[in-house]
């Protein structure tokens, strides 16, 4: 009986190692470039806080030097990030996100905390046929 338990534990550990090796999400801090040329780093991906449309996947990025004047370029970069980065990572999330939110911040801010001194931009998208459809946030 002990031999079977050891085999099960070994198989479980092997399966966990295989699953973690297949992880496609970049680790927090990995640099991601966007069309404007700005180098962003992933802060985190938040999936445990529902949004107004239900299940929501939030992709939060650090954008050093972000200023209020960068709003137009940031909006284009966020659309590109949603289409090329976020949409690929929601497949298999449970529950399936009904909304994707992409955000940029000039400084890392803990999720859900107010920071009026930090420049932050947010855009909301609806996953639709493998692409991101922009929505008014």
N, C-alpha and C. Protein backbone atom coordinates (compact mmCIF):
# COMPACT_ATOMS: atom_id res chain seq x y z
N UNK A 1 0.83 -1.19 0.00
CA UNK A 1 0.00 0.00 0.00
C UNK A 1 0.87 1.25 0.00
N UNK A 2 1.94 1.22 0.77
CA UNK A 2 2.85 2.37 0.85
C UNK A 2 3.47 2.64 -0.51
N UNK A 3 3.80 1.58 -1.25
CA UNK A 3 4.40 1.71 -2.57
C UNK A 3 3.47 2.46 -3.53
N UNK A 4 2.16 2.18 -3.47
CA UNK A 4 1.18 2.86 -4.32
C UNK A 4 1.10 4.34 -3.97
N UNK A 5 1.15 4.66 -2.70
CA UNK A 5 1.09 6.06 -2.26
C UNK A 5 2.31 6.83 -2.77
N UNK A 6 3.49 6.22 -2.70
CA UNK A 6 4.71 6.86 -3.19
C UNK A 6 4.61 7.08 -4.69
N UNK A 7 4.09 6.10 -5.42
CA UNK A 7 3.92 6.25 -6.86
C UNK A 7 2.95 7.38 -7.21
N UNK A 8 1.86 7.48 -6.46
CA UNK A 8 0.88 8.54 -6.71
C UNK A 8 1.49 9.91 -6.45
N UNK A 9 2.23 10.03 -5.37
CA UNK A 9 2.87 11.31 -5.04
C UNK A 9 3.90 11.66 -6.11
N UNK A 10 4.68 10.70 -6.55
CA UNK A 10 5.67 10.94 -7.59
C UNK A 10 5.00 11.36 -8.89
N UNK A 11 3.90 10.70 -9.25
CA UNK A 11 3.17 11.06 -10.47
C UNK A 11 2.58 12.47 -10.35
N UNK A 12 2.04 12.80 -9.18
CA UNK A 12 1.47 14.12 -8.96
C UNK A 12 2.54 15.20 -9.07
N UNK A 13 3.68 14.99 -8.46
CA UNK A 13 4.77 15.96 -8.54
C UNK A 13 5.26 16.12 -9.98
N UNK A 14 5.34 15.04 -10.71
CA UNK A 14 5.73 15.11 -12.12
C UNK A 14 4.73 15.90 -12.95
N UNK A 15 3.45 15.66 -12.69
CA UNK A 15 2.40 16.39 -13.42
C UNK A 15 2.45 17.88 -13.10
N UNK A 16 2.66 18.23 -11.83
CA UNK A 16 2.77 19.63 -11.44
C UNK A 16 3.97 20.30 -12.11
N UNK A 17 5.08 19.61 -12.18
CA UNK A 17 6.27 20.16 -12.83
C UNK A 17 6.01 20.38 -14.31
N UNK A 18 5.30 19.45 -14.94
CA UNK A 18 4.99 19.58 -16.36
C UNK A 18 4.05 20.76 -16.60
N UNK A 19 3.03 20.90 -15.79
CA UNK A 19 2.09 22.01 -15.93
C UNK A 19 2.80 23.33 -15.73
N UNK A 20 3.65 23.45 -14.72
CA UNK A 20 4.33 24.72 -14.48
C UNK A 20 5.33 25.02 -15.59
N UNK A 21 5.90 24.01 -16.21
CA UNK A 21 6.84 24.23 -17.30
C UNK A 21 6.11 24.72 -18.55
N UNK A 22 4.81 24.41 -18.67
CA UNK A 22 4.03 24.82 -19.84
C UNK A 22 3.42 26.21 -19.67
N UNK A 23 3.60 26.82 -18.52
CA UNK A 23 3.05 28.14 -18.25
C UNK A 23 3.51 29.14 -19.31
N UNK A 24 2.56 29.80 -19.98
CA UNK A 24 2.90 30.75 -21.02
C UNK A 24 2.97 32.17 -20.51
N UNK A 25 2.40 32.45 -19.36
CA UNK A 25 2.42 33.81 -18.85
C UNK A 25 3.83 34.22 -18.47
N UNK A 26 4.23 35.40 -18.91
CA UNK A 26 5.54 35.86 -18.51
C UNK A 26 5.53 36.15 -17.01
N UNK A 27 6.65 36.00 -16.36
CA UNK A 27 6.69 36.29 -14.93
C UNK A 27 6.54 37.79 -14.70
N UNK A 28 6.03 38.19 -13.54
CA UNK A 28 5.95 39.62 -13.25
C UNK A 28 7.32 40.26 -13.44
N UNK A 29 7.32 41.44 -14.03
CA UNK A 29 8.56 42.15 -14.27
C UNK A 29 9.13 41.95 -15.66
N UNK A 30 8.64 40.93 -16.39
CA UNK A 30 9.15 40.71 -17.74
C UNK A 30 8.75 41.89 -18.62
N UNK A 31 9.67 42.34 -19.45
CA UNK A 31 9.44 43.50 -20.31
C UNK A 31 8.65 43.10 -21.55
N UNK A 32 7.65 43.91 -21.86
CA UNK A 32 6.81 43.72 -23.03
C UNK A 32 6.86 45.04 -23.81
N UNK A 33 7.10 44.97 -25.11
CA UNK A 33 7.13 46.20 -25.91
C UNK A 33 5.82 46.36 -26.67
N UNK A 34 5.49 47.60 -26.96
CA UNK A 34 4.24 47.94 -27.64
C UNK A 34 4.55 48.83 -28.84
N UNK A 35 3.57 49.06 -29.72
CA UNK A 35 3.83 49.83 -30.94
C UNK A 35 4.48 51.20 -30.73
N UNK A 36 4.17 51.88 -29.64
CA UNK A 36 4.76 53.20 -29.41
C UNK A 36 6.25 53.11 -29.10
N UNK A 37 6.72 51.90 -28.81
CA UNK A 37 8.12 51.72 -28.43
C UNK A 37 8.35 51.74 -26.93
N UNK A 38 7.31 52.06 -26.17
CA UNK A 38 7.43 52.08 -24.70
C UNK A 38 7.68 50.67 -24.20
N UNK A 39 8.61 50.54 -23.28
CA UNK A 39 8.89 49.24 -22.65
C UNK A 39 8.06 49.16 -21.37
N UNK A 40 7.19 48.19 -21.32
CA UNK A 40 6.32 47.97 -20.16
C UNK A 40 6.78 46.72 -19.43
N UNK A 41 6.47 46.64 -18.15
CA UNK A 41 6.71 45.40 -17.44
C UNK A 41 5.42 44.97 -16.76
N UNK A 42 5.16 43.69 -16.83
CA UNK A 42 3.95 43.13 -16.25
C UNK A 42 4.01 43.22 -14.73
N UNK A 43 3.00 43.85 -14.15
CA UNK A 43 2.89 43.89 -12.68
C UNK A 43 2.22 42.59 -12.22
N UNK A 44 1.05 42.32 -12.78
CA UNK A 44 0.34 41.08 -12.45
C UNK A 44 -0.88 40.92 -13.35
N UNK A 45 -1.49 39.75 -13.23
CA UNK A 45 -2.75 39.46 -13.90
C UNK A 45 -3.74 39.11 -12.79
N UNK A 46 -4.80 39.90 -12.68
CA UNK A 46 -5.78 39.72 -11.61
C UNK A 46 -7.04 39.10 -12.20
N UNK A 47 -7.43 37.96 -11.66
CA UNK A 47 -8.63 37.28 -12.16
C UNK A 47 -9.65 37.00 -11.06
N UNK A 48 -9.34 37.36 -9.84
CA UNK A 48 -10.21 36.99 -8.73
C UNK A 48 -11.13 38.13 -8.27
N UNK A 49 -11.25 39.19 -9.06
CA UNK A 49 -12.14 40.30 -8.71
C UNK A 49 -13.07 40.56 -9.88
N UNK A 50 -14.37 40.20 -9.75
CA UNK A 50 -15.29 40.39 -10.87
C UNK A 50 -15.46 41.87 -11.21
N UNK A 51 -15.77 42.14 -12.45
CA UNK A 51 -16.05 43.49 -12.92
C UNK A 51 -17.53 43.64 -13.17
N UNK A 52 -17.94 44.76 -13.76
CA UNK A 52 -19.37 44.98 -14.00
C UNK A 52 -19.98 43.98 -14.99
N UNK A 53 -19.16 43.38 -15.85
CA UNK A 53 -19.67 42.42 -16.83
C UNK A 53 -19.54 40.98 -16.33
N UNK A 54 -19.10 40.79 -15.08
CA UNK A 54 -18.90 39.45 -14.54
C UNK A 54 -17.43 39.13 -14.43
N UNK A 55 -17.04 37.92 -14.79
CA UNK A 55 -15.64 37.51 -14.69
C UNK A 55 -14.78 38.44 -15.53
N UNK A 56 -13.71 38.95 -14.92
CA UNK A 56 -12.84 39.92 -15.57
C UNK A 56 -11.39 39.52 -15.38
N UNK A 57 -10.60 39.64 -16.44
CA UNK A 57 -9.16 39.42 -16.38
C UNK A 57 -8.49 40.78 -16.53
N UNK A 58 -7.72 41.17 -15.53
CA UNK A 58 -7.04 42.46 -15.54
C UNK A 58 -5.55 42.25 -15.76
N UNK A 59 -5.02 42.89 -16.77
CA UNK A 59 -3.60 42.81 -17.11
C UNK A 59 -2.99 44.16 -16.75
N UNK A 60 -2.19 44.17 -15.69
CA UNK A 60 -1.65 45.42 -15.14
C UNK A 60 -0.17 45.56 -15.49
N UNK A 61 0.18 46.71 -16.08
CA UNK A 61 1.55 46.95 -16.53
C UNK A 61 2.12 48.22 -15.91
N UNK A 62 3.41 48.16 -15.62
CA UNK A 62 4.17 49.31 -15.16
C UNK A 62 4.70 50.03 -16.40
N UNK A 63 4.45 51.34 -16.47
CA UNK A 63 4.89 52.16 -17.60
C UNK A 63 5.66 53.36 -17.05
N UNK A 64 6.94 53.17 -16.72
CA UNK A 64 7.72 54.27 -16.14
C UNK A 64 7.71 55.50 -17.06
N UNK A 65 7.59 56.66 -16.45
CA UNK A 65 7.59 57.90 -17.21
C UNK A 65 6.26 58.25 -17.86
N UNK A 66 5.23 57.47 -17.60
CA UNK A 66 3.91 57.73 -18.17
C UNK A 66 3.41 59.10 -17.70
N UNK A 67 2.88 59.88 -18.63
CA UNK A 67 2.35 61.19 -18.26
C UNK A 67 0.93 61.34 -18.82
N UNK A 68 0.18 62.31 -18.31
CA UNK A 68 -1.18 62.51 -18.82
C UNK A 68 -1.21 62.79 -20.33
N UNK A 69 -0.13 63.32 -20.89
CA UNK A 69 -0.07 63.60 -22.32
C UNK A 69 0.04 62.34 -23.17
N UNK A 70 0.28 61.20 -22.56
CA UNK A 70 0.48 59.94 -23.28
C UNK A 70 -0.82 59.17 -23.53
N UNK A 71 -1.97 59.77 -23.25
CA UNK A 71 -3.25 59.05 -23.30
C UNK A 71 -3.53 58.43 -24.67
N UNK A 72 -3.31 59.17 -25.75
CA UNK A 72 -3.64 58.65 -27.08
C UNK A 72 -2.75 57.47 -27.46
N UNK A 73 -1.44 57.62 -27.24
CA UNK A 73 -0.52 56.52 -27.55
C UNK A 73 -0.79 55.32 -26.65
N UNK A 74 -1.11 55.57 -25.39
CA UNK A 74 -1.40 54.48 -24.45
C UNK A 74 -2.64 53.70 -24.90
N UNK A 75 -3.66 54.39 -25.40
CA UNK A 75 -4.87 53.70 -25.85
C UNK A 75 -4.55 52.75 -27.00
N UNK A 76 -3.72 53.20 -27.94
CA UNK A 76 -3.34 52.33 -29.07
C UNK A 76 -2.49 51.16 -28.58
N UNK A 77 -1.59 51.42 -27.63
CA UNK A 77 -0.75 50.36 -27.07
C UNK A 77 -1.59 49.33 -26.32
N UNK A 78 -2.61 49.79 -25.60
CA UNK A 78 -3.46 48.87 -24.85
C UNK A 78 -4.26 47.97 -25.78
N UNK A 79 -4.75 48.54 -26.89
CA UNK A 79 -5.47 47.71 -27.86
C UNK A 79 -4.53 46.65 -28.41
N UNK A 80 -3.31 47.04 -28.76
CA UNK A 80 -2.33 46.09 -29.28
C UNK A 80 -2.01 45.02 -28.25
N UNK A 81 -1.85 45.41 -26.99
CA UNK A 81 -1.57 44.44 -25.92
C UNK A 81 -2.74 43.46 -25.74
N UNK A 82 -3.95 43.98 -25.79
CA UNK A 82 -5.10 43.10 -25.63
C UNK A 82 -5.14 42.08 -26.77
N UNK A 83 -4.95 42.57 -28.01
CA UNK A 83 -5.03 41.70 -29.18
C UNK A 83 -3.89 40.69 -29.27
N UNK A 84 -2.70 41.06 -28.80
CA UNK A 84 -1.55 40.16 -28.99
C UNK A 84 -1.09 39.47 -27.71
N UNK A 85 -1.48 39.95 -26.56
CA UNK A 85 -0.97 39.43 -25.29
C UNK A 85 -2.11 38.85 -24.44
N UNK A 86 -3.08 39.69 -24.10
CA UNK A 86 -4.12 39.28 -23.16
C UNK A 86 -5.06 38.22 -23.73
N UNK A 87 -5.53 38.41 -24.95
CA UNK A 87 -6.52 37.50 -25.51
C UNK A 87 -6.01 36.06 -25.56
N UNK A 88 -4.70 35.90 -25.73
CA UNK A 88 -4.11 34.56 -25.79
C UNK A 88 -4.05 33.91 -24.42
N UNK A 89 -4.12 34.70 -23.37
CA UNK A 89 -3.95 34.18 -22.02
C UNK A 89 -5.26 33.93 -21.28
N UNK A 90 -6.38 34.29 -21.87
CA UNK A 90 -7.65 34.06 -21.16
C UNK A 90 -8.25 32.69 -21.46
N UNK A 91 -7.78 32.05 -22.53
CA UNK A 91 -8.30 30.74 -22.88
C UNK A 91 -8.03 29.77 -21.73
N UNK A 92 -9.05 29.14 -21.25
CA UNK A 92 -8.91 28.17 -20.17
C UNK A 92 -9.11 28.76 -18.78
N UNK A 93 -9.24 30.09 -18.67
CA UNK A 93 -9.52 30.68 -17.36
C UNK A 93 -10.93 30.29 -16.94
N UNK A 94 -11.09 29.98 -15.66
CA UNK A 94 -12.40 29.59 -15.13
C UNK A 94 -12.72 30.50 -13.96
N UNK A 95 -13.86 31.19 -14.03
CA UNK A 95 -14.79 31.25 -15.14
C UNK A 95 -14.19 32.05 -16.30
N UNK A 96 -14.71 31.83 -17.49
CA UNK A 96 -14.22 32.52 -18.68
C UNK A 96 -14.48 34.02 -18.55
N UNK A 97 -13.45 34.84 -18.72
CA UNK A 97 -13.65 36.30 -18.59
C UNK A 97 -14.63 36.84 -19.63
N UNK A 98 -15.52 37.67 -19.16
CA UNK A 98 -16.46 38.39 -20.03
C UNK A 98 -15.90 39.75 -20.39
N UNK A 99 -14.83 40.11 -19.69
CA UNK A 99 -14.21 41.43 -19.88
C UNK A 99 -12.72 41.31 -19.63
N UNK A 100 -11.95 42.09 -20.41
CA UNK A 100 -10.50 42.21 -20.21
C UNK A 100 -10.23 43.68 -19.95
N UNK A 101 -9.49 43.96 -18.89
CA UNK A 101 -9.07 45.32 -18.60
C UNK A 101 -7.56 45.36 -18.67
N UNK A 102 -7.04 46.31 -19.46
CA UNK A 102 -5.60 46.52 -19.56
C UNK A 102 -5.32 47.87 -18.91
N UNK A 103 -4.33 47.90 -18.03
CA UNK A 103 -4.00 49.17 -17.37
C UNK A 103 -2.51 49.42 -17.40
N UNK A 104 -2.17 50.71 -17.46
CA UNK A 104 -0.79 51.19 -17.38
C UNK A 104 -0.72 52.10 -16.16
N UNK A 105 0.39 52.03 -15.44
CA UNK A 105 0.61 52.92 -14.30
C UNK A 105 2.06 53.38 -14.29
N UNK A 106 2.27 54.65 -13.94
CA UNK A 106 3.63 55.19 -13.91
C UNK A 106 4.43 54.62 -12.74
N UNK A 107 3.74 54.12 -11.73
CA UNK A 107 4.36 53.46 -10.58
C UNK A 107 3.48 52.26 -10.20
N UNK A 108 4.09 51.24 -9.64
CA UNK A 108 3.31 50.07 -9.20
C UNK A 108 2.41 50.48 -8.03
N UNK A 109 1.14 50.17 -8.18
CA UNK A 109 0.14 50.47 -7.15
C UNK A 109 -0.55 49.16 -6.83
N UNK A 110 -0.69 48.81 -5.54
CA UNK A 110 -1.42 47.58 -5.21
C UNK A 110 -2.83 47.62 -5.80
N UNK A 111 -3.28 46.48 -6.31
CA UNK A 111 -4.59 46.39 -6.94
C UNK A 111 -5.68 46.88 -5.99
N UNK A 112 -6.54 47.75 -6.50
CA UNK A 112 -7.67 48.25 -5.73
C UNK A 112 -7.39 49.45 -4.86
N UNK A 113 -6.14 49.87 -4.76
CA UNK A 113 -5.81 51.03 -3.93
C UNK A 113 -5.77 52.30 -4.77
N UNK A 114 -6.26 53.38 -4.19
CA UNK A 114 -6.23 54.69 -4.85
C UNK A 114 -4.83 55.27 -4.73
N UNK A 115 -4.39 55.94 -5.78
CA UNK A 115 -3.09 56.61 -5.79
C UNK A 115 -3.19 57.80 -6.73
N UNK A 116 -3.80 58.90 -6.28
CA UNK A 116 -4.03 60.04 -7.16
C UNK A 116 -2.76 60.66 -7.73
N UNK A 117 -1.64 60.43 -7.10
CA UNK A 117 -0.37 60.99 -7.57
C UNK A 117 0.26 60.16 -8.69
N UNK A 118 -0.28 58.99 -8.96
CA UNK A 118 0.26 58.09 -9.98
C UNK A 118 -0.60 58.20 -11.25
N UNK A 119 0.07 58.39 -12.40
CA UNK A 119 -0.64 58.42 -13.67
C UNK A 119 -1.05 57.00 -14.03
N UNK A 120 -2.35 56.81 -14.27
CA UNK A 120 -2.85 55.49 -14.62
C UNK A 120 -3.87 55.61 -15.75
N UNK A 121 -3.80 54.67 -16.69
CA UNK A 121 -4.77 54.60 -17.77
C UNK A 121 -5.37 53.19 -17.76
N UNK A 122 -6.66 53.11 -18.07
CA UNK A 122 -7.38 51.85 -18.11
C UNK A 122 -8.20 51.78 -19.39
N UNK A 123 -8.24 50.62 -20.00
CA UNK A 123 -9.14 50.38 -21.13
C UNK A 123 -9.82 49.04 -20.91
N UNK A 124 -11.05 48.93 -21.37
CA UNK A 124 -11.85 47.73 -21.20
C UNK A 124 -12.19 47.15 -22.57
N UNK A 125 -12.17 45.83 -22.64
CA UNK A 125 -12.43 45.12 -23.90
C UNK A 125 -13.34 43.93 -23.64
N UNK A 126 -14.07 43.56 -24.66
CA UNK A 126 -14.90 42.36 -24.63
C UNK A 126 -14.25 41.33 -25.55
N UNK A 127 -13.94 40.14 -25.03
CA UNK A 127 -13.40 39.10 -25.91
C UNK A 127 -14.46 38.72 -26.93
N UNK A 128 -14.10 38.77 -28.21
CA UNK A 128 -15.07 38.48 -29.26
C UNK A 128 -14.37 37.83 -30.44
N UNK A 129 -14.67 36.56 -30.67
CA UNK A 129 -14.12 35.83 -31.81
C UNK A 129 -12.59 35.89 -31.86
N UNK A 130 -11.94 35.73 -30.71
CA UNK A 130 -10.48 35.70 -30.66
C UNK A 130 -9.81 37.05 -30.75
N UNK A 131 -10.58 38.12 -30.61
CA UNK A 131 -10.02 39.47 -30.65
C UNK A 131 -10.61 40.29 -29.50
N UNK A 132 -10.10 41.49 -29.34
CA UNK A 132 -10.56 42.39 -28.28
C UNK A 132 -11.39 43.52 -28.87
N UNK A 133 -12.65 43.59 -28.48
CA UNK A 133 -13.55 44.67 -28.91
C UNK A 133 -13.57 45.72 -27.81
N UNK A 134 -13.13 46.95 -28.14
CA UNK A 134 -13.06 48.02 -27.15
C UNK A 134 -14.44 48.34 -26.62
N UNK A 135 -14.52 48.61 -25.31
CA UNK A 135 -15.76 49.01 -24.66
C UNK A 135 -15.51 50.26 -23.84
N UNK A 136 -16.53 51.07 -23.70
CA UNK A 136 -16.43 52.25 -22.83
C UNK A 136 -16.28 51.74 -21.40
N UNK A 137 -15.28 52.24 -20.71
CA UNK A 137 -14.99 51.80 -19.34
C UNK A 137 -15.69 52.66 -18.34
